[in-house]
Amino acid sequence: MLAKKISRNAFFYRTVFPAMWFGFLFVFLGIALFATPRRPPLPLFIPPLVMLPLGFVLFRKLVGDVVDEVWDCGDHLIVKRGDRQETVAFSNIMNVNATVLVNPPRITLRLVHPGRFGAEIAFLAPRPPFMNPFARNALADQLIERAHAARSPA
């Protein structure tokens, strides 16, 4: 079986979007500090100062741990992040979890035996053609079935 990529590119969500978020906040703070002729009012600083740590925590939680690529090779998955790579057998997958009502959608694989990327591997799932936020993730269901079949005695 040929390898098939089952993940989305995480570059935008891990790099570009946080840079835009924090860049906008710093530009807003800079304008508030230097564009007013006298001392700017304190309420002008509260929203960006709240959004800075909130954005940091959200980016770390939602996309900080996602891998770059996941390839389906039939009986195993190849997981890549940067120049590191790991092969994950379906028999080593204990649980598959897919997020609901979260953008970008993610799938997390919990492993029986932790590997190079730890006990959990998260990746960005491809979007379904017609986005129903309450529908089950078809890829996650397929991964659950294949992991269960690999762990079950024949």
N, C-alpha and C. Protein backbone atom coordinates (compact mmCIF):
# COMPACT_ATOMS: atom_id res chain seq x y z
N MET A 1 0.84 -1.19 0.00
CA MET A 1 0.00 0.00 0.00
C MET A 1 0.87 1.24 0.00
N LEU A 2 0.50 2.21 -0.80
CA LEU A 2 1.23 3.47 -0.84
C LEU A 2 0.88 4.29 0.39
N ALA A 3 1.86 5.05 0.85
CA ALA A 3 1.63 5.91 2.01
C ALA A 3 0.70 7.07 1.62
N LYS A 4 -0.22 7.38 2.51
CA LYS A 4 -1.19 8.45 2.27
C LYS A 4 -1.12 9.43 3.43
N LYS A 5 -0.97 10.70 3.11
CA LYS A 5 -0.91 11.73 4.16
C LYS A 5 -2.31 11.93 4.73
N ILE A 6 -2.43 11.80 6.07
CA ILE A 6 -3.73 11.94 6.72
C ILE A 6 -3.81 13.17 7.63
N SER A 7 -2.79 14.01 7.60
CA SER A 7 -2.79 15.20 8.45
C SER A 7 -2.73 16.45 7.59
N ARG A 8 -3.12 17.57 8.20
CA ARG A 8 -2.99 18.86 7.54
C ARG A 8 -1.70 19.52 7.98
N ASN A 9 -1.22 20.45 7.18
CA ASN A 9 -0.01 21.18 7.51
C ASN A 9 -0.25 22.07 8.73
N ALA A 10 0.63 21.98 9.71
CA ALA A 10 0.46 22.72 10.95
C ALA A 10 1.26 24.03 10.95
N PHE A 11 2.00 24.32 9.89
CA PHE A 11 2.87 25.50 9.86
C PHE A 11 2.09 26.79 10.11
N PHE A 12 0.97 26.98 9.42
CA PHE A 12 0.20 28.22 9.59
C PHE A 12 -0.27 28.38 11.03
N TYR A 13 -0.82 27.31 11.60
CA TYR A 13 -1.39 27.40 12.95
C TYR A 13 -0.32 27.50 14.03
N ARG A 14 0.86 26.93 13.79
CA ARG A 14 1.91 26.98 14.81
C ARG A 14 2.81 28.19 14.67
N THR A 15 2.88 28.80 13.48
CA THR A 15 3.84 29.87 13.26
C THR A 15 3.20 31.17 12.80
N VAL A 16 2.49 31.14 11.69
CA VAL A 16 1.97 32.36 11.08
C VAL A 16 0.87 33.01 11.94
N PHE A 17 -0.13 32.24 12.34
CA PHE A 17 -1.23 32.81 13.10
C PHE A 17 -0.78 33.39 14.44
N PRO A 18 0.05 32.68 15.24
CA PRO A 18 0.53 33.32 16.49
C PRO A 18 1.34 34.59 16.23
N ALA A 19 2.14 34.61 15.15
CA ALA A 19 2.91 35.82 14.83
C ALA A 19 1.97 36.98 14.51
N MET A 20 0.90 36.70 13.76
CA MET A 20 -0.08 37.74 13.45
C MET A 20 -0.78 38.21 14.73
N TRP A 21 -1.16 37.27 15.58
CA TRP A 21 -1.87 37.59 16.84
C TRP A 21 -1.03 38.51 17.72
N PHE A 22 0.19 38.08 18.03
CA PHE A 22 1.04 38.87 18.92
C PHE A 22 1.51 40.15 18.24
N GLY A 23 1.75 40.10 16.92
CA GLY A 23 2.13 41.30 16.20
C GLY A 23 1.04 42.36 16.27
N PHE A 24 -0.21 41.96 16.07
CA PHE A 24 -1.33 42.89 16.17
C PHE A 24 -1.40 43.49 17.58
N LEU A 25 -1.23 42.67 18.59
CA LEU A 25 -1.31 43.18 19.97
C LEU A 25 -0.19 44.18 20.25
N PHE A 26 1.03 43.90 19.78
CA PHE A 26 2.14 44.82 20.02
C PHE A 26 1.96 46.11 19.22
N VAL A 27 1.43 46.03 18.00
CA VAL A 27 1.14 47.24 17.23
C VAL A 27 0.08 48.07 17.95
N PHE A 28 -0.96 47.41 18.45
CA PHE A 28 -2.02 48.11 19.18
C PHE A 28 -1.44 48.81 20.42
N LEU A 29 -0.60 48.10 21.17
CA LEU A 29 0.02 48.72 22.36
C LEU A 29 0.93 49.87 21.97
N GLY A 30 1.69 49.71 20.87
CA GLY A 30 2.58 50.78 20.41
C GLY A 30 1.81 52.02 20.00
N ILE A 31 0.71 51.82 19.28
CA ILE A 31 -0.12 52.97 18.89
C ILE A 31 -0.70 53.64 20.13
N ALA A 32 -1.15 52.85 21.09
CA ALA A 32 -1.72 53.42 22.31
C ALA A 32 -0.68 54.22 23.09
N LEU A 33 0.57 53.77 23.09
CA LEU A 33 1.62 54.46 23.84
C LEU A 33 2.13 55.70 23.14
N PHE A 34 2.35 55.61 21.83
CA PHE A 34 3.08 56.68 21.14
C PHE A 34 2.21 57.58 20.27
N ALA A 35 0.99 57.22 20.00
CA ALA A 35 0.16 58.04 19.10
C ALA A 35 -0.72 59.03 19.84
N THR A 36 -0.78 58.93 21.14
CA THR A 36 -1.61 59.87 21.89
C THR A 36 -0.72 61.01 22.41
N PRO A 37 -1.20 62.25 22.35
CA PRO A 37 -0.37 63.39 22.77
C PRO A 37 -0.08 63.41 24.27
N ARG A 38 -0.99 62.90 25.05
CA ARG A 38 -0.75 62.85 26.49
C ARG A 38 -0.83 61.40 26.94
N ARG A 39 -0.77 61.20 28.23
CA ARG A 39 -0.79 59.84 28.77
C ARG A 39 -2.08 59.11 28.39
N PRO A 40 -1.99 57.92 27.75
CA PRO A 40 -3.21 57.20 27.34
C PRO A 40 -3.96 56.65 28.56
N PRO A 41 -5.28 56.52 28.44
CA PRO A 41 -6.06 56.01 29.57
C PRO A 41 -5.76 54.53 29.83
N LEU A 42 -5.79 54.15 31.07
CA LEU A 42 -5.48 52.78 31.49
C LEU A 42 -6.38 51.73 30.85
N PRO A 43 -7.70 51.96 30.69
CA PRO A 43 -8.55 50.93 30.07
C PRO A 43 -8.12 50.55 28.65
N LEU A 44 -7.34 51.40 28.00
CA LEU A 44 -6.86 51.09 26.66
C LEU A 44 -5.86 49.93 26.68
N PHE A 45 -5.19 49.72 27.81
CA PHE A 45 -4.17 48.67 27.91
C PHE A 45 -4.71 47.33 28.41
N ILE A 46 -5.88 47.34 29.02
CA ILE A 46 -6.40 46.11 29.63
C ILE A 46 -6.66 45.00 28.59
N PRO A 47 -7.39 45.26 27.50
CA PRO A 47 -7.65 44.17 26.55
C PRO A 47 -6.39 43.51 25.98
N PRO A 48 -5.40 44.29 25.47
CA PRO A 48 -4.22 43.61 24.94
C PRO A 48 -3.40 42.90 26.02
N LEU A 49 -3.37 43.44 27.21
CA LEU A 49 -2.61 42.78 28.27
C LEU A 49 -3.29 41.50 28.75
N VAL A 50 -4.59 41.39 28.56
CA VAL A 50 -5.30 40.14 28.86
C VAL A 50 -5.14 39.16 27.69
N MET A 51 -5.16 39.70 26.46
CA MET A 51 -5.07 38.85 25.28
C MET A 51 -3.68 38.23 25.09
N LEU A 52 -2.64 38.87 25.58
CA LEU A 52 -1.28 38.33 25.44
C LEU A 52 -1.14 36.98 26.15
N PRO A 53 -1.36 36.89 27.47
CA PRO A 53 -1.21 35.57 28.10
C PRO A 53 -2.28 34.58 27.67
N LEU A 54 -3.49 35.07 27.38
CA LEU A 54 -4.55 34.18 26.92
C LEU A 54 -4.17 33.54 25.58
N GLY A 55 -3.67 34.34 24.66
CA GLY A 55 -3.22 33.82 23.37
C GLY A 55 -2.08 32.82 23.53
N PHE A 56 -1.13 33.14 24.40
CA PHE A 56 -0.01 32.22 24.63
C PHE A 56 -0.50 30.87 25.13
N VAL A 57 -1.38 30.87 26.11
CA VAL A 57 -1.90 29.63 26.68
C VAL A 57 -2.71 28.85 25.65
N LEU A 58 -3.57 29.54 24.91
CA LEU A 58 -4.39 28.86 23.90
C LEU A 58 -3.55 28.25 22.79
N PHE A 59 -2.55 28.98 22.30
CA PHE A 59 -1.70 28.43 21.24
C PHE A 59 -0.91 27.23 21.74
N ARG A 60 -0.41 27.32 22.97
CA ARG A 60 0.33 26.17 23.52
C ARG A 60 -0.57 24.95 23.66
N LYS A 61 -1.80 25.17 24.11
CA LYS A 61 -2.72 24.06 24.37
C LYS A 61 -3.28 23.47 23.07
N LEU A 62 -3.66 24.31 22.12
CA LEU A 62 -4.34 23.83 20.91
C LEU A 62 -3.40 23.37 19.81
N VAL A 63 -2.29 24.04 19.60
CA VAL A 63 -1.43 23.66 18.48
C VAL A 63 0.05 23.52 18.85
N GLY A 64 0.40 23.72 20.08
CA GLY A 64 1.81 23.65 20.46
C GLY A 64 2.40 22.25 20.37
N ASP A 65 1.57 21.23 20.52
CA ASP A 65 2.09 19.86 20.55
C ASP A 65 1.81 19.08 19.27
N VAL A 66 1.21 19.70 18.26
CA VAL A 66 0.87 18.94 17.06
C VAL A 66 2.12 18.65 16.23
N VAL A 67 2.11 17.49 15.58
CA VAL A 67 3.22 17.11 14.72
C VAL A 67 3.00 17.68 13.33
N ASP A 68 4.04 17.67 12.51
CA ASP A 68 3.96 18.25 11.17
C ASP A 68 3.16 17.38 10.21
N GLU A 69 3.46 16.09 10.19
CA GLU A 69 2.84 15.20 9.22
C GLU A 69 2.57 13.84 9.84
N VAL A 70 1.49 13.21 9.39
CA VAL A 70 1.19 11.82 9.73
C VAL A 70 0.84 11.12 8.42
N TRP A 71 1.54 10.03 8.14
CA TRP A 71 1.35 9.25 6.92
C TRP A 71 0.82 7.88 7.28
N ASP A 72 -0.21 7.45 6.58
CA ASP A 72 -0.80 6.13 6.77
C ASP A 72 -0.13 5.17 5.79
N CYS A 73 0.53 4.16 6.33
CA CYS A 73 1.26 3.19 5.50
C CYS A 73 0.61 1.81 5.55
N GLY A 74 -0.65 1.73 5.86
CA GLY A 74 -1.35 0.45 5.89
C GLY A 74 -1.38 -0.17 7.27
N ASP A 75 -0.26 -0.76 7.70
CA ASP A 75 -0.22 -1.42 9.01
C ASP A 75 0.44 -0.56 10.08
N HIS A 76 0.91 0.62 9.71
CA HIS A 76 1.53 1.52 10.67
C HIS A 76 1.40 2.96 10.19
N LEU A 77 1.71 3.89 11.08
CA LEU A 77 1.72 5.31 10.75
C LEU A 77 3.14 5.82 10.85
N ILE A 78 3.49 6.75 9.99
CA ILE A 78 4.78 7.45 10.10
C ILE A 78 4.46 8.87 10.55
N VAL A 79 5.08 9.27 11.66
CA VAL A 79 4.83 10.58 12.27
C VAL A 79 6.11 11.40 12.14
N LYS A 80 5.97 12.65 11.66
CA LYS A 80 7.13 13.52 11.47
C LYS A 80 6.90 14.86 12.15
N ARG A 81 7.95 15.34 12.78
CA ARG A 81 7.97 16.71 13.30
C ARG A 81 9.39 17.21 13.14
N GLY A 82 9.54 18.20 12.28
CA GLY A 82 10.88 18.70 11.97
C GLY A 82 11.68 17.61 11.29
N ASP A 83 12.87 17.36 11.77
CA ASP A 83 13.70 16.31 11.19
C ASP A 83 13.58 14.98 11.94
N ARG A 84 12.70 14.92 12.93
CA ARG A 84 12.47 13.68 13.67
C ARG A 84 11.32 12.90 13.07
N GLN A 85 11.44 11.59 13.12
CA GLN A 85 10.42 10.72 12.54
C GLN A 85 10.27 9.50 13.42
N GLU A 86 9.03 8.98 13.47
CA GLU A 86 8.75 7.79 14.27
C GLU A 86 7.72 6.94 13.54
N THR A 87 7.88 5.63 13.66
CA THR A 87 6.90 4.69 13.12
C THR A 87 6.04 4.21 14.28
N VAL A 88 4.71 4.31 14.10
CA VAL A 88 3.78 3.91 15.15
C VAL A 88 2.91 2.78 14.60
N ALA A 89 3.04 1.60 15.19
CA ALA A 89 2.21 0.47 14.77
C ALA A 89 0.79 0.67 15.30
N PHE A 90 -0.19 0.22 14.54
CA PHE A 90 -1.58 0.33 15.01
C PHE A 90 -1.80 -0.45 16.30
N SER A 91 -1.03 -1.50 16.52
CA SER A 91 -1.17 -2.26 17.76
C SER A 91 -0.68 -1.47 18.98
N ASN A 92 0.07 -0.39 18.76
CA ASN A 92 0.57 0.44 19.85
C ASN A 92 -0.39 1.60 20.17
N ILE A 93 -1.47 1.73 19.42
CA ILE A 93 -2.43 2.81 19.67
C ILE A 93 -3.50 2.31 20.64
N MET A 94 -3.56 2.96 21.80
CA MET A 94 -4.52 2.57 22.84
C MET A 94 -5.86 3.27 22.62
N ASN A 95 -5.81 4.56 22.25
CA ASN A 95 -7.03 5.35 22.14
C ASN A 95 -6.86 6.40 21.07
N VAL A 96 -7.96 6.77 20.41
CA VAL A 96 -7.97 7.84 19.41
C VAL A 96 -9.05 8.82 19.84
N ASN A 97 -8.67 10.08 19.96
CA ASN A 97 -9.61 11.11 20.38
C ASN A 97 -9.64 12.21 19.32
N ALA A 98 -10.83 12.62 18.92
CA ALA A 98 -11.00 13.71 17.96
C ALA A 98 -11.75 14.85 18.64
N THR A 99 -11.30 16.07 18.40
CA THR A 99 -11.96 17.22 19.01
C THR A 99 -13.26 17.53 18.28
N VAL A 100 -14.18 18.12 19.02
CA VAL A 100 -15.46 18.56 18.47
C VAL A 100 -15.57 20.06 18.72
N LEU A 101 -16.07 20.78 17.74
CA LEU A 101 -16.26 22.23 17.85
C LEU A 101 -14.97 22.99 18.13
N VAL A 102 -13.85 22.51 17.61
CA VAL A 102 -12.57 23.18 17.77
C VAL A 102 -11.99 23.40 16.38
N ASN A 103 -11.46 24.59 16.16
CA ASN A 103 -10.80 24.88 14.90
C ASN A 103 -9.36 25.25 15.20
N PRO A 104 -8.40 24.59 14.66
CA PRO A 104 -8.46 23.51 13.69
C PRO A 104 -8.81 22.18 14.37
N PRO A 105 -9.52 21.31 13.64
CA PRO A 105 -9.84 20.00 14.23
C PRO A 105 -8.57 19.18 14.43
N ARG A 106 -8.49 18.50 15.57
CA ARG A 106 -7.30 17.69 15.85
C ARG A 106 -7.67 16.29 16.26
N ILE A 107 -6.74 15.40 16.01
CA ILE A 107 -6.87 14.01 16.44
C ILE A 107 -5.67 13.71 17.32
N THR A 108 -5.93 13.07 18.46
CA THR A 108 -4.86 12.70 19.38
C THR A 108 -4.83 11.19 19.51
N LEU A 109 -3.65 10.63 19.32
CA LEU A 109 -3.44 9.19 19.48
C LEU A 109 -2.76 8.96 20.81
N ARG A 110 -3.34 8.15 21.68
CA ARG A 110 -2.69 7.78 22.94
C ARG A 110 -2.04 6.42 22.71
N LEU A 111 -0.77 6.32 23.05
CA LEU A 111 0.01 5.12 22.77
C LEU A 111 0.14 4.23 23.99
N VAL A 112 0.22 2.93 23.75
CA VAL A 112 0.44 1.96 24.83
C VAL A 112 1.85 2.14 25.37
N HIS A 113 2.82 2.19 24.47
CA HIS A 113 4.23 2.39 24.83
C HIS A 113 4.68 3.72 24.25
N PRO A 114 4.99 4.70 25.12
CA PRO A 114 5.40 6.01 24.60
C PRO A 114 6.60 5.90 23.66
N GLY A 115 6.61 6.78 22.68
CA GLY A 115 7.67 6.77 21.70
C GLY A 115 8.46 8.06 21.75
N ARG A 116 9.04 8.39 20.63
CA ARG A 116 9.90 9.57 20.51
C ARG A 116 9.15 10.87 20.81
N PHE A 117 7.85 10.90 20.51
CA PHE A 117 7.04 12.10 20.72
C PHE A 117 6.21 12.03 22.00
N GLY A 118 6.44 11.04 22.83
CA GLY A 118 5.74 10.92 24.09
C GLY A 118 4.60 9.91 24.03
N ALA A 119 3.73 9.97 25.04
CA ALA A 119 2.62 9.02 25.15
C ALA A 119 1.44 9.42 24.29
N GLU A 120 1.40 10.66 23.84
CA GLU A 120 0.31 11.13 22.99
C GLU A 120 0.87 11.83 21.76
N ILE A 121 0.25 11.59 20.63
CA ILE A 121 0.63 12.23 19.38
C ILE A 121 -0.61 12.93 18.85
N ALA A 122 -0.51 14.25 18.69
CA ALA A 122 -1.63 15.04 18.18
C ALA A 122 -1.29 15.56 16.80
N PHE A 123 -2.29 15.57 15.92
CA PHE A 123 -2.11 16.14 14.58
C PHE A 123 -3.39 16.80 14.14
N LEU A 124 -3.27 17.69 13.16
CA LEU A 124 -4.43 18.41 12.63
C LEU A 124 -5.13 17.53 11.61
N ALA A 125 -6.41 17.30 11.83
CA ALA A 125 -7.18 16.44 10.95
C ALA A 125 -7.64 17.22 9.72
N PRO A 126 -7.77 16.54 8.60
CA PRO A 126 -8.31 17.23 7.42
C PRO A 126 -9.77 17.61 7.66
N ARG A 127 -10.18 18.69 7.04
CA ARG A 127 -11.56 19.13 7.18
C ARG A 127 -12.47 18.28 6.29
N PRO A 128 -13.65 17.93 6.80
CA PRO A 128 -14.60 17.22 5.94
C PRO A 128 -15.14 18.17 4.87
N PRO A 129 -15.61 17.65 3.74
CA PRO A 129 -16.07 18.53 2.66
C PRO A 129 -17.22 19.44 3.10
N PHE A 130 -18.17 18.92 3.83
CA PHE A 130 -19.26 19.74 4.35
C PHE A 130 -19.16 19.72 5.86
N MET A 131 -18.77 20.84 6.43
CA MET A 131 -18.46 20.90 7.86
C MET A 131 -19.74 20.85 8.70
N ASN A 132 -19.96 19.73 9.34
CA ASN A 132 -21.00 19.61 10.35
C ASN A 132 -20.28 19.54 11.69
N PRO A 133 -20.37 20.57 12.52
CA PRO A 133 -19.58 20.59 13.75
C PRO A 133 -19.94 19.49 14.74
N PHE A 134 -21.10 18.87 14.57
CA PHE A 134 -21.53 17.83 15.50
C PHE A 134 -21.29 16.42 14.97
N ALA A 135 -20.82 16.29 13.74
CA ALA A 135 -20.60 14.97 13.14
C ALA A 135 -19.33 14.34 13.70
N ARG A 136 -19.33 13.04 13.73
CA ARG A 136 -18.14 12.31 14.16
C ARG A 136 -17.07 12.44 13.08
N ASN A 137 -15.82 12.40 13.50
CA ASN A 137 -14.71 12.49 12.56
C ASN A 137 -14.50 11.12 11.94
N ALA A 138 -14.68 11.02 10.62
CA ALA A 138 -14.59 9.74 9.92
C ALA A 138 -13.18 9.16 10.00
N LEU A 139 -12.16 10.01 9.91
CA LEU A 139 -10.78 9.53 9.99
C LEU A 139 -10.50 8.95 11.38
N ALA A 140 -10.96 9.62 12.43
CA ALA A 140 -10.76 9.12 13.79
C ALA A 140 -11.46 7.78 13.98
N ASP A 141 -12.68 7.65 13.46
CA ASP A 141 -13.40 6.37 13.56
C ASP A 141 -12.64 5.26 12.85
N GLN A 142 -12.10 5.57 11.69
CA GLN A 142 -11.33 4.58 10.94
C GLN A 142 -10.06 4.17 11.71
N LEU A 143 -9.38 5.14 12.30
CA LEU A 143 -8.18 4.83 13.08
C LEU A 143 -8.52 3.98 14.31
N ILE A 144 -9.66 4.25 14.95
CA ILE A 144 -10.09 3.46 16.10
C ILE A 144 -10.30 2.01 15.68
N GLU A 145 -11.01 1.80 14.59
CA GLU A 145 -11.29 0.44 14.11
C GLU A 145 -10.00 -0.29 13.75
N ARG A 146 -9.08 0.38 13.09
CA ARG A 146 -7.84 -0.27 12.68
C ARG A 146 -6.95 -0.59 13.87
N ALA A 147 -6.92 0.30 14.87
CA ALA A 147 -6.14 0.04 16.08
C ALA A 147 -6.74 -1.13 16.85
N HIS A 148 -8.05 -1.18 16.95
CA HIS A 148 -8.71 -2.28 17.64
C HIS A 148 -8.45 -3.62 16.92
N ALA A 149 -8.54 -3.60 15.61
CA ALA A 149 -8.27 -4.82 14.83
C ALA A 149 -6.84 -5.29 14.99
N ALA A 150 -5.90 -4.35 15.09
CA ALA A 150 -4.48 -4.71 15.24
C ALA A 150 -4.19 -5.28 16.62
N ARG A 151 -4.92 -4.85 17.64
CA ARG A 151 -4.72 -5.35 19.02
C ARG A 151 -5.45 -6.65 19.27
N SER A 152 -6.52 -6.93 18.51
CA SER A 152 -7.33 -8.13 18.73
C SER A 152 -6.64 -9.35 18.14
N PRO A 153 -6.69 -10.48 18.85
CA PRO A 153 -6.11 -11.70 18.29
C PRO A 153 -6.92 -12.17 17.09
N ALA A 154 -6.22 -12.65 16.10
CA ALA A 154 -6.90 -13.08 14.85
C ALA A 154 -7.57 -14.41 14.98
